[in-house]
C-alpha atoms as a PDB file:
ATOM      1  CA  MET A   1      25.813  60.896  61.463  1.00  0.00           C
ATOM      2  CA  VAL A   2      27.218  57.696  62.825  1.00  0.00           C
ATOM      3  CA  ALA A   3      31.414  58.324  62.827  1.00  0.00           C
ATOM      4  CA  SER A   4      31.781  54.623  61.946  1.00  0.00           C
ATOM      5  CA  ALA A   5      30.634  52.374  59.289  1.00  0.00           C
ATOM      6  CA  GLY A   6      29.158  49.748  61.350  1.00  0.00           C
ATOM      7  CA  ILE A   7      25.779  50.636  63.012  1.00  0.00           C
ATOM      8  CA  GLU A   8      24.549  47.448  64.536  1.00  0.00           C
ATOM      9  CA  LYS A   9      24.243  49.036  67.845  1.00  0.00           C
ATOM     10  CA  MET A  10      21.726  51.792  66.516  1.00  0.00           C
ATOM     11  CA  PRO A  11      18.264  52.067  68.268  1.00  0.00           C
ATOM     12  CA  PHE A  12      16.577  51.374  64.905  1.00  0.00           C
ATOM     13  CA  GLU A  13      12.957  51.043  66.104  1.00  0.00           C
ATOM     14  CA  GLN A  14      13.246  54.487  67.807  1.00  0.00           C
ATOM     15  CA  LEU A  15      14.753  56.111  65.133  1.00  0.00           C
ATOM     16  CA  GLU A  16      12.228  54.787  62.393  1.00  0.00           C
ATOM     17  CA  LYS A  17       9.526  55.746  65.107  1.00  0.00           C
ATOM     18  CA  GLN A  18      10.954  59.359  65.018  1.00  0.00           C
ATOM     19  CA  LYS A  19      11.781  59.579  61.335  1.00  0.00           C
ATOM     20  CA  VAL A  20      15.574  60.406  62.097  1.00  0.00           C
ATOM     21  CA  HIS A  21      17.451  60.333  58.757  1.00  0.00           C
ATOM     22  CA  VAL A  22      21.117  58.342  59.681  1.00  0.00           C
ATOM     23  CA  THR A  23      24.259  58.353  57.709  1.00  0.00           C
ATOM     24  CA  ASN A  24      27.482  56.734  58.352  1.00  0.00           C
ATOM     25  CA  SER A  25      30.951  56.790  57.459  1.00  0.00           C
ATOM     26  CA  LYS A  26      31.086  54.109  54.820  1.00  0.00           C
ATOM     27  CA  GLY A  27      34.082  54.123  52.611  1.00  0.00           C
ATOM     28  CA  VAL A  28      36.255  55.776  55.270  1.00  0.00           C
ATOM     29  CA  HIS A  29      37.832  52.485  55.876  1.00  0.00           C
ATOM     30  CA  ALA A  30      38.092  51.371  52.180  1.00  0.00           C
ATOM     31  CA  ILE A  31      41.653  52.251  51.686  1.00  0.00           C
ATOM     32  CA  PRO A  32      43.674  50.779  54.776  1.00  0.00           C
ATOM     33  CA  MET A  33      41.212  47.871  54.829  1.00  0.00           C
ATOM     34  CA  ALA A  34      42.269  47.253  51.335  1.00  0.00           C
ATOM     35  CA  GLU A  35      46.002  47.744  51.831  1.00  0.00           C
ATOM     36  CA  TYR A  36      45.483  45.044  54.914  1.00  0.00           C
ATOM     37  CA  CYS A  37      44.134  42.331  52.673  1.00  0.00           C
ATOM     38  CA  ILE A  38      46.905  42.778  49.928  1.00  0.00           C
ATOM     39  CA  ALA A  39      49.479  42.832  52.486  1.00  0.00           C
ATOM     40  CA  MET A  40      48.198  39.922  54.282  1.00  0.00           C
ATOM     41  CA  MET A  41      47.833  37.960  50.561  1.00  0.00           C
ATOM     42  CA  LEU A  42      51.443  38.898  49.960  1.00  0.00           C
ATOM     43  CA  GLN A  43      52.477  37.833  53.591  1.00  0.00           C
ATOM     44  CA  ILE A  44      51.185  34.189  52.862  1.00  0.00           C
ATOM     45  CA  SER A  45      52.312  33.815  49.270  1.00  0.00           C
ATOM     46  CA  ARG A  46      55.752  35.232  49.913  1.00  0.00           C
ATOM     47  CA  GLN A  47      55.854  33.092  53.091  1.00  0.00           C
ATOM     48  CA  ALA A  48      56.948  36.369  55.305  1.00  0.00           C
ATOM     49  CA  SER A  49      56.610  34.403  58.504  1.00  0.00           C
ATOM     50  CA  THR A  50      59.050  31.849  57.642  1.00  0.00           C
ATOM     51  CA  LEU A  51      61.338  34.207  56.109  1.00  0.00           C
ATOM     52  CA  LEU A  52      61.293  36.367  59.461  1.00  0.00           C
ATOM     53  CA  GLU A  53      61.857  33.124  61.854  1.00  0.00           C
ATOM     54  CA  ASN A  54      64.744  31.929  59.445  1.00  0.00           C
ATOM     55  CA  GLN A  55      66.287  35.229  59.725  1.00  0.00           C
ATOM     56  CA  LYS A  56      66.169  35.022  63.819  1.00  0.00           C
ATOM     57  CA  GLU A  57      67.909  31.639  63.429  1.00  0.00           C
ATOM     58  CA  HIS A  58      70.381  33.161  60.834  1.00  0.00           C
ATOM     59  CA  LYS A  59      69.341  30.307  58.280  1.00  0.00           C
ATOM     60  CA  TRP A  60      69.948  30.755  54.674  1.00  0.00           C
ATOM     61  CA  ASP A  61      67.263  28.535  53.246  1.00  0.00           C
ATOM     62  CA  ARG A  62      66.510  29.295  49.210  1.00  0.00           C
ATOM     63  CA  ARG A  63      63.954  26.427  49.219  1.00  0.00           C
ATOM     64  CA  VAL A  64      61.279  28.534  50.766  1.00  0.00           C
ATOM     65  CA  ARG A  65      58.327  28.517  48.041  1.00  0.00           C
ATOM     66  CA  MET A  66      57.339  31.753  46.465  1.00  0.00           C
ATOM     67  CA  GLU A  67      54.026  32.278  45.117  1.00  0.00           C
ATOM     68  CA  GLU A  68      52.843  34.922  42.958  1.00  0.00           C
ATOM     69  CA  LEU A  69      49.131  36.730  43.666  1.00  0.00           C
ATOM     70  CA  TYR A  70      49.338  37.255  39.844  1.00  0.00           C
ATOM     71  CA  GLY A  71      46.619  34.860  37.960  1.00  0.00           C
ATOM     72  CA  ASN A  72      44.933  33.745  41.552  1.00  0.00           C
ATOM     73  CA  THR A  73      41.535  34.092  42.024  1.00  0.00           C
ATOM     74  CA  VAL A  74      40.019  36.283  44.948  1.00  0.00           C
ATOM     75  CA  TYR A  75      36.369  36.117  45.976  1.00  0.00           C
ATOM     76  CA  ILE A  76      34.926  39.435  47.858  1.00  0.00           C
ATOM     77  CA  LEU A  77      32.335  38.767  49.925  1.00  0.00           C
ATOM     78  CA  GLY A  78      30.618  42.151  49.902  1.00  0.00           C
ATOM     79  CA  ALA A  79      31.111  44.673  46.518  1.00  0.00           C
ATOM     80  CA  GLY A  80      30.633  47.676  48.611  1.00  0.00           C
ATOM     81  CA  ALA A  81      33.096  50.696  49.077  1.00  0.00           C
ATOM     82  CA  ILE A  82      35.414  48.533  50.996  1.00  0.00           C
ATOM     83  CA  GLY A  83      35.059  45.552  48.786  1.00  0.00           C
ATOM     84  CA  THR A  84      35.556  47.650  45.395  1.00  0.00           C
ATOM     85  CA  ALA A  85      38.640  49.308  46.901  1.00  0.00           C
ATOM     86  CA  ILE A  86      40.316  45.544  47.479  1.00  0.00           C
ATOM     87  CA  ALA A  87      39.046  44.608  43.824  1.00  0.00           C
ATOM     88  CA  LYS A  88      40.718  47.502  42.431  1.00  0.00           C
ATOM     89  CA  LEU A  89      44.115  46.810  44.071  1.00  0.00           C
ATOM     90  CA  SER A  90      43.641  42.912  43.502  1.00  0.00           C
ATOM     91  CA  ASP A  91      43.165  43.644  39.576  1.00  0.00           C
ATOM     92  CA  ALA A  92      46.151  45.759  39.557  1.00  0.00           C
ATOM     93  CA  PHE A  93      47.773  42.587  40.808  1.00  0.00           C
ATOM     94  CA  GLY A  94      46.544  40.614  38.013  1.00  0.00           C
ATOM     95  CA  MET A  95      44.260  38.500  39.848  1.00  0.00           C
ATOM     96  CA  GLN A  96      40.602  37.419  38.746  1.00  0.00           C
ATOM     97  CA  VAL A  97      38.247  39.179  40.929  1.00  0.00           C
ATOM     98  CA  LEU A  98      34.950  37.834  41.800  1.00  0.00           C
ATOM     99  CA  GLY A  99      32.387  39.654  43.973  1.00  0.00           C
ATOM    100  CA  MET A 100      29.149  38.827  45.876  1.00  0.00           C
ATOM    101  CA  ASN A 101      26.237  41.406  46.660  1.00  0.00           C
ATOM    102  CA  ARG A 102      22.610  40.979  47.294  1.00  0.00           C
ATOM    103  CA  ASP A 103      21.521  40.690  43.619  1.00  0.00           C
ATOM    104  CA  GLY A 104      24.403  40.114  41.774  1.00  0.00           C
ATOM    105  CA  ARG A 105      24.501  43.460  39.954  1.00  0.00           C
ATOM    106  CA  GLU A 106      27.630  44.321  38.294  1.00  0.00           C
ATOM    107  CA  VAL A 107      30.031  46.358  40.094  1.00  0.00           C
ATOM    108  CA  ASP A 108      32.999  48.268  38.531  1.00  0.00           C
ATOM    109  CA  SER A 109      36.374  46.638  38.897  1.00  0.00           C
ATOM    110  CA  PHE A 110      34.687  43.107  39.591  1.00  0.00           C
ATOM    111  CA  HIS A 111      35.137  40.927  37.041  1.00  0.00           C
ATOM    112  CA  LYS A 112      31.965  38.595  37.637  1.00  0.00           C
ATOM    113  CA  THR A 113      29.593  39.262  40.774  1.00  0.00           C
ATOM    114  CA  TYR A 114      27.203  36.709  42.279  1.00  0.00           C
ATOM    115  CA  SER A 115      24.113  37.110  44.116  1.00  0.00           C
ATOM    116  CA  PHE A 116      23.701  36.401  47.780  1.00  0.00           C
ATOM    117  CA  LYS A 117      21.750  33.054  47.013  1.00  0.00           C
ATOM    118  CA  ASP A 118      24.545  31.820  44.708  1.00  0.00           C
ATOM    119  CA  MET A 119      27.192  32.974  47.363  1.00  0.00           C
ATOM    120  CA  LEU A 120      28.950  29.481  47.802  1.00  0.00           C
ATOM    121  CA  LEU A 121      29.176  28.862  43.979  1.00  0.00           C
ATOM    122  CA  PRO A 122      32.694  30.650  43.494  1.00  0.00           C
ATOM    123  CA  MET A 123      34.229  29.252  46.842  1.00  0.00           C
ATOM    124  CA  GLU A 124      35.426  26.227  44.984  1.00  0.00           C
ATOM    125  CA  LYS A 125      37.604  28.201  42.520  1.00  0.00           C
ATOM    126  CA  ALA A 126      38.649  30.879  44.715  1.00  0.00           C
ATOM    127  CA  ASP A 127      42.462  31.123  45.938  1.00  0.00           C
ATOM    128  CA  PHE A 128      41.532  33.680  48.398  1.00  0.00           C
ATOM    129  CA  ILE A 129      38.126  34.520  49.940  1.00  0.00           C
ATOM    130  CA  ILE A 130      37.768  37.865  51.616  1.00  0.00           C
ATOM    131  CA  SER A 131      34.754  38.515  53.901  1.00  0.00           C
ATOM    132  CA  VAL A 132      33.505  42.194  54.233  1.00  0.00           C
ATOM    133  CA  LEU A 133      30.309  41.599  55.388  1.00  0.00           C
ATOM    134  CA  PRO A 134      28.674  43.529  57.682  1.00  0.00           C
ATOM    135  CA  SER A 135      26.573  42.498  60.769  1.00  0.00           C
ATOM    136  CA  THR A 136      22.843  41.976  59.845  1.00  0.00           C
ATOM    137  CA  GLU A 137      20.144  39.512  60.598  1.00  0.00           C
ATOM    138  CA  GLN A 138      21.087  38.004  56.891  1.00  0.00           C
ATOM    139  CA  THR A 139      24.679  37.722  57.461  1.00  0.00           C
ATOM    140  CA  LYS A 140      25.026  36.431  61.093  1.00  0.00           C
ATOM    141  CA  GLY A 141      26.385  32.876  61.246  1.00  0.00           C
ATOM    142  CA  LEU A 142      26.335  32.724  57.190  1.00  0.00           C
ATOM    143  CA  LEU A 143      29.907  31.043  57.056  1.00  0.00           C
ATOM    144  CA  THR A 144      29.419  27.840  58.439  1.00  0.00           C
ATOM    145  CA  TYR A 145      31.143  24.533  58.132  1.00  0.00           C
ATOM    146  CA  GLU A 146      29.598  24.134  54.667  1.00  0.00           C
ATOM    147  CA  ALA A 147      31.201  27.180  53.182  1.00  0.00           C
ATOM    148  CA  PHE A 148      34.661  26.299  54.441  1.00  0.00           C
ATOM    149  CA  LYS A 149      34.369  22.802  53.128  1.00  0.00           C
ATOM    150  CA  ARG A 150      33.488  24.284  49.820  1.00  0.00           C
ATOM    151  CA  MET A 151      36.596  25.957  49.529  1.00  0.00           C
ATOM    152  CA  LYS A 152      39.845  24.689  47.962  1.00  0.00           C
ATOM    153  CA  GLU A 153      42.408  22.987  50.247  1.00  0.00           C
ATOM    154  CA  ASP A 154      44.905  25.515  49.334  1.00  0.00           C
ATOM    155  CA  ALA A 155      42.986  28.353  49.817  1.00  0.00           C
ATOM    156  CA  VAL A 156      43.100  31.284  52.102  1.00  0.00           C
ATOM    157  CA  PHE A 157      39.975  33.188  54.240  1.00  0.00           C
ATOM    158  CA  ILE A 158      40.448  36.417  55.275  1.00  0.00           C
ATOM    159  CA  ASN A 159      37.701  38.264  57.479  1.00  0.00           C
ATOM    160  CA  ILE A 160      37.827  41.894  57.968  1.00  0.00           C
ATOM    161  CA  GLY A 161      33.936  42.496  58.007  1.00  0.00           C
ATOM    162  CA  ARG A 162      32.208  41.353  61.206  1.00  0.00           C
ATOM    163  CA  GLY A 163      33.234  38.396  63.485  1.00  0.00           C
ATOM    164  CA  ASP A 164      29.599  37.323  63.901  1.00  0.00           C
ATOM    165  CA  ALA A 165      29.268  36.418  60.124  1.00  0.00           C
ATOM    166  CA  VAL A 166      31.574  33.053  60.885  1.00  0.00           C
ATOM    167  CA  ILE A 167      30.765  30.428  63.031  1.00  0.00           C
ATOM    168  CA  GLU A 168      34.058  30.028  64.650  1.00  0.00           C
ATOM    169  CA  LYS A 169      33.619  26.279  65.998  1.00  0.00           C
ATOM    170  CA  ASP A 170      32.944  25.394  62.360  1.00  0.00           C
ATOM    171  CA  LEU A 171      36.095  27.284  61.283  1.00  0.00           C
ATOM    172  CA  ILE A 172      38.266  25.541  63.818  1.00  0.00           C
ATOM    173  CA  GLN A 173      36.813  22.323  62.731  1.00  0.00           C
ATOM    174  CA  ALA A 174      37.594  22.772  59.161  1.00  0.00           C
ATOM    175  CA  LEU A 175      41.118  24.038  59.846  1.00  0.00           C
ATOM    176  CA  ASN A 176      41.876  20.881  62.039  1.00  0.00           C
ATOM    177  CA  GLU A 177      40.550  19.157  58.986  1.00  0.00           C
ATOM    178  CA  LYS A 178      42.743  20.784  56.500  1.00  0.00           C
ATOM    179  CA  GLU A 179      39.495  21.912  54.398  1.00  0.00           C
ATOM    180  CA  ILE A 180      41.686  25.054  53.909  1.00  0.00           C
ATOM    181  CA  LYS A 181      45.301  25.996  53.869  1.00  0.00           C
ATOM    182  CA  HIS A 182      45.117  29.449  55.944  1.00  0.00           C
ATOM    183  CA  VAL A 183      42.906  31.862  57.841  1.00  0.00           C
ATOM    184  CA  VAL A 184      43.666  35.686  58.342  1.00  0.00           C
ATOM    185  CA  LEU A 185      41.349  37.230  61.042  1.00  0.00           C
ATOM    186  CA  ASP A 186      40.987  40.741  62.457  1.00  0.00           C
ATOM    187  CA  VAL A 187      37.500  40.338  63.728  1.00  0.00           C
ATOM    188  CA  PHE A 188      35.707  37.974  66.017  1.00  0.00           C
ATOM    189  CA  GLU A 189      32.367  36.593  67.745  1.00  0.00           C
ATOM    190  CA  LYS A 190      33.850  38.306  70.838  1.00  0.00           C
ATOM    191  CA  GLU A 191      36.340  41.060  71.281  1.00  0.00           C
ATOM    192  CA  PRO A 192      38.940  41.205  72.668  1.00  0.00           C
ATOM    193  CA  LEU A 193      39.699  37.702  71.727  1.00  0.00           C
ATOM    194  CA  ASN A 194      40.022  35.539  74.754  1.00  0.00           C
ATOM    195  CA  GLU A 195      43.756  34.616  75.680  1.00  0.00           C
ATOM    196  CA  ASP A 196      42.716  30.910  75.709  1.00  0.00           C
ATOM    197  CA  HIS A 197      41.267  31.119  72.406  1.00  0.00           C
ATOM    198  CA  PRO A 198      42.595  28.137  70.154  1.00  0.00           C
ATOM    199  CA  PHE A 199      43.231  30.663  67.105  1.00  0.00           C
ATOM    200  CA  TRP A 200      46.102  32.479  69.072  1.00  0.00           C
ATOM    201  CA  ASP A 201      48.054  28.951  68.908  1.00  0.00           C
ATOM    202  CA  MET A 202      46.937  27.565  65.520  1.00  0.00           C
ATOM    203  CA  GLU A 203      49.777  27.562  62.791  1.00  0.00           C
ATOM    204  CA  ASN A 204      47.275  28.318  60.288  1.00  0.00           C
ATOM    205  CA  VAL A 205      45.825  31.118  61.695  1.00  0.00           C
ATOM    206  CA  THR A 206      47.019  34.713  61.466  1.00  0.00           C
ATOM    207  CA  VAL A 207      45.251  36.974  64.495  1.00  0.00           C
ATOM    208  CA  THR A 208      45.225  40.685  64.067  1.00  0.00           C
ATOM    209  CA  PRO A 209      43.326  42.639  66.875  1.00  0.00           C
ATOM    210  CA  HIS A 210      40.443  44.524  64.774  1.00  0.00           C
ATOM    211  CA  LEU A 211      42.981  46.948  63.047  1.00  0.00           C
ATOM    212  CA  SER A 212      42.536  46.689  59.430  1.00  0.00           C
ATOM    213  CA  GLY A 213      40.776  49.907  59.263  1.00  0.00           C
ATOM    214  CA  ILE A 214      42.974  52.283  61.638  1.00  0.00           C
ATOM    215  CA  THR A 215      44.334  55.097  59.729  1.00  0.00           C
ATOM    216  CA  LYS A 216      45.657  58.491  60.395  1.00  0.00           C
ATOM    217  CA  ASN A 217      43.280  59.751  57.789  1.00  0.00           C
ATOM    218  CA  TYR A 218      40.296  58.438  59.627  1.00  0.00           C
ATOM    219  CA  LEU A 219      38.545  61.412  61.001  1.00  0.00           C
ATOM    220  CA  PRO A 220      39.600  63.912  58.305  1.00  0.00           C
ATOM    221  CA  ARG A 221      37.667  61.551  55.953  1.00  0.00           C
ATOM    222  CA  ALA A 222      35.164  61.153  58.186  1.00  0.00           C
ATOM    223  CA  MET A 223      34.378  65.070  58.317  1.00  0.00           C
ATOM    224  CA  GLN A 224      34.397  65.558  54.596  1.00  0.00           C
ATOM    225  CA  ILE A 225      31.348  63.292  54.707  1.00  0.00           C
ATOM    226  CA  PHE A 226      29.840  65.032  57.604  1.00  0.00           C
ATOM    227  CA  GLU A 227      30.673  68.728  56.101  1.00  0.00           C
ATOM    228  CA  LYS A 228      29.022  67.413  52.660  1.00  0.00           C
ATOM    229  CA  ASN A 229      26.184  65.954  54.030  1.00  0.00           C
ATOM    230  CA  LEU A 230      25.467  69.112  56.624  1.00  0.00           C
ATOM    231  CA  ARG A 231      25.501  71.238  53.560  1.00  0.00           C
ATOM    232  CA  ASP A 232      22.997  68.908  51.785  1.00  0.00           C
ATOM    233  CA  TYR A 233      20.823  68.941  54.799  1.00  0.00           C
ATOM    234  CA  LEU A 234      20.982  72.644  55.465  1.00  0.00           C
ATOM    235  CA  ASP A 235      19.945  73.153  51.925  1.00  0.00           C
ATOM    236  CA  GLY A 236      17.105  70.598  52.090  1.00  0.00           C
ATOM    237  CA  GLN A 237      18.776  68.303  49.771  1.00  0.00           C
ATOM    238  CA  ILE A 238      18.229  65.341  52.073  1.00  0.00           C
ATOM    239  CA  SER A 239      18.485  62.917  48.980  1.00  0.00           C
ATOM    240  CA  SER A 240      21.712  63.787  47.826  1.00  0.00           C
ATOM    241  CA  MET A 241      23.245  63.089  51.415  1.00  0.00           C
ATOM    242  CA  GLU A 242      26.196  60.592  51.287  1.00  0.00           C
ATOM    243  CA  ASN A 243      25.616  56.983  52.938  1.00  0.00           C
ATOM    244  CA  ILE A 244      22.050  57.247  53.880  1.00  0.00           C
ATOM    245  CA  ILE A 245      21.158  54.071  55.972  1.00  0.00           C
ATOM    246  CA  SER A 246      18.159  52.278  55.230  1.00  0.00           C
ATOM    247  CA  LEU A 247      16.679  52.026  58.841  1.00  0.00           C
ATOM    248  CA  GLN A 248      14.378  48.863  57.593  1.00  0.00           C
ATOM    249  CA  LYS A 249      17.322  47.085  55.816  1.00  0.00           C
ATOM    250  CA  ARG A 250      19.577  48.036  58.763  1.00  0.00           C
ATOM    251  CA  TYR A 251      22.629  48.956  56.204  1.00  0.00           C
END
């Protein structure tokens, strides 16, 4: 069992050769990462950074524009455990929830889902686009300038999946050309993010240091999965184990 959701560093060829069963901790991050996304959407819509600056300057300004999440459309790339947790909270705020998975199959808590090949279609109507994409051969470099250009000019992009799903130079170009309003990045192509990286100083970028999934409940939740899987393994119930990884698909 891998004590994380990401498994891109695993020796897949050797695991396949030796027929090793692999499971991961998928779902452990769902609650904190969903709360992170709601927090970031609220911070942007309620202009938290502007209010904090005004407080520092002792500035009373009631003209700061307040927006609601209610009625907005959120498009979640990756309708797995984390994406579903985000969908549930977004639905509670009265948002229209769209999702994307490999084949477009329906998923609870999503009002509509799209397939991998139709990924770009909902970009044009989404107010918030959230990537929870893992790092696979299919997802690396998936979000290019074309994808960001498809987004609305007042859209917000949030990435909590893997940094290599985004072509960073394309994202910077889209931001400079005001193709989208704001981005929230918790993951990057290279981590830690270099001190001289443009993202740090861009007003329309919020940078956080890969902490959206951090929680004191991480190990207890991971151990619950491990204990359940260990019992199934000892009982010979391999197919009943949680979070079984397809070594061929790499997830």
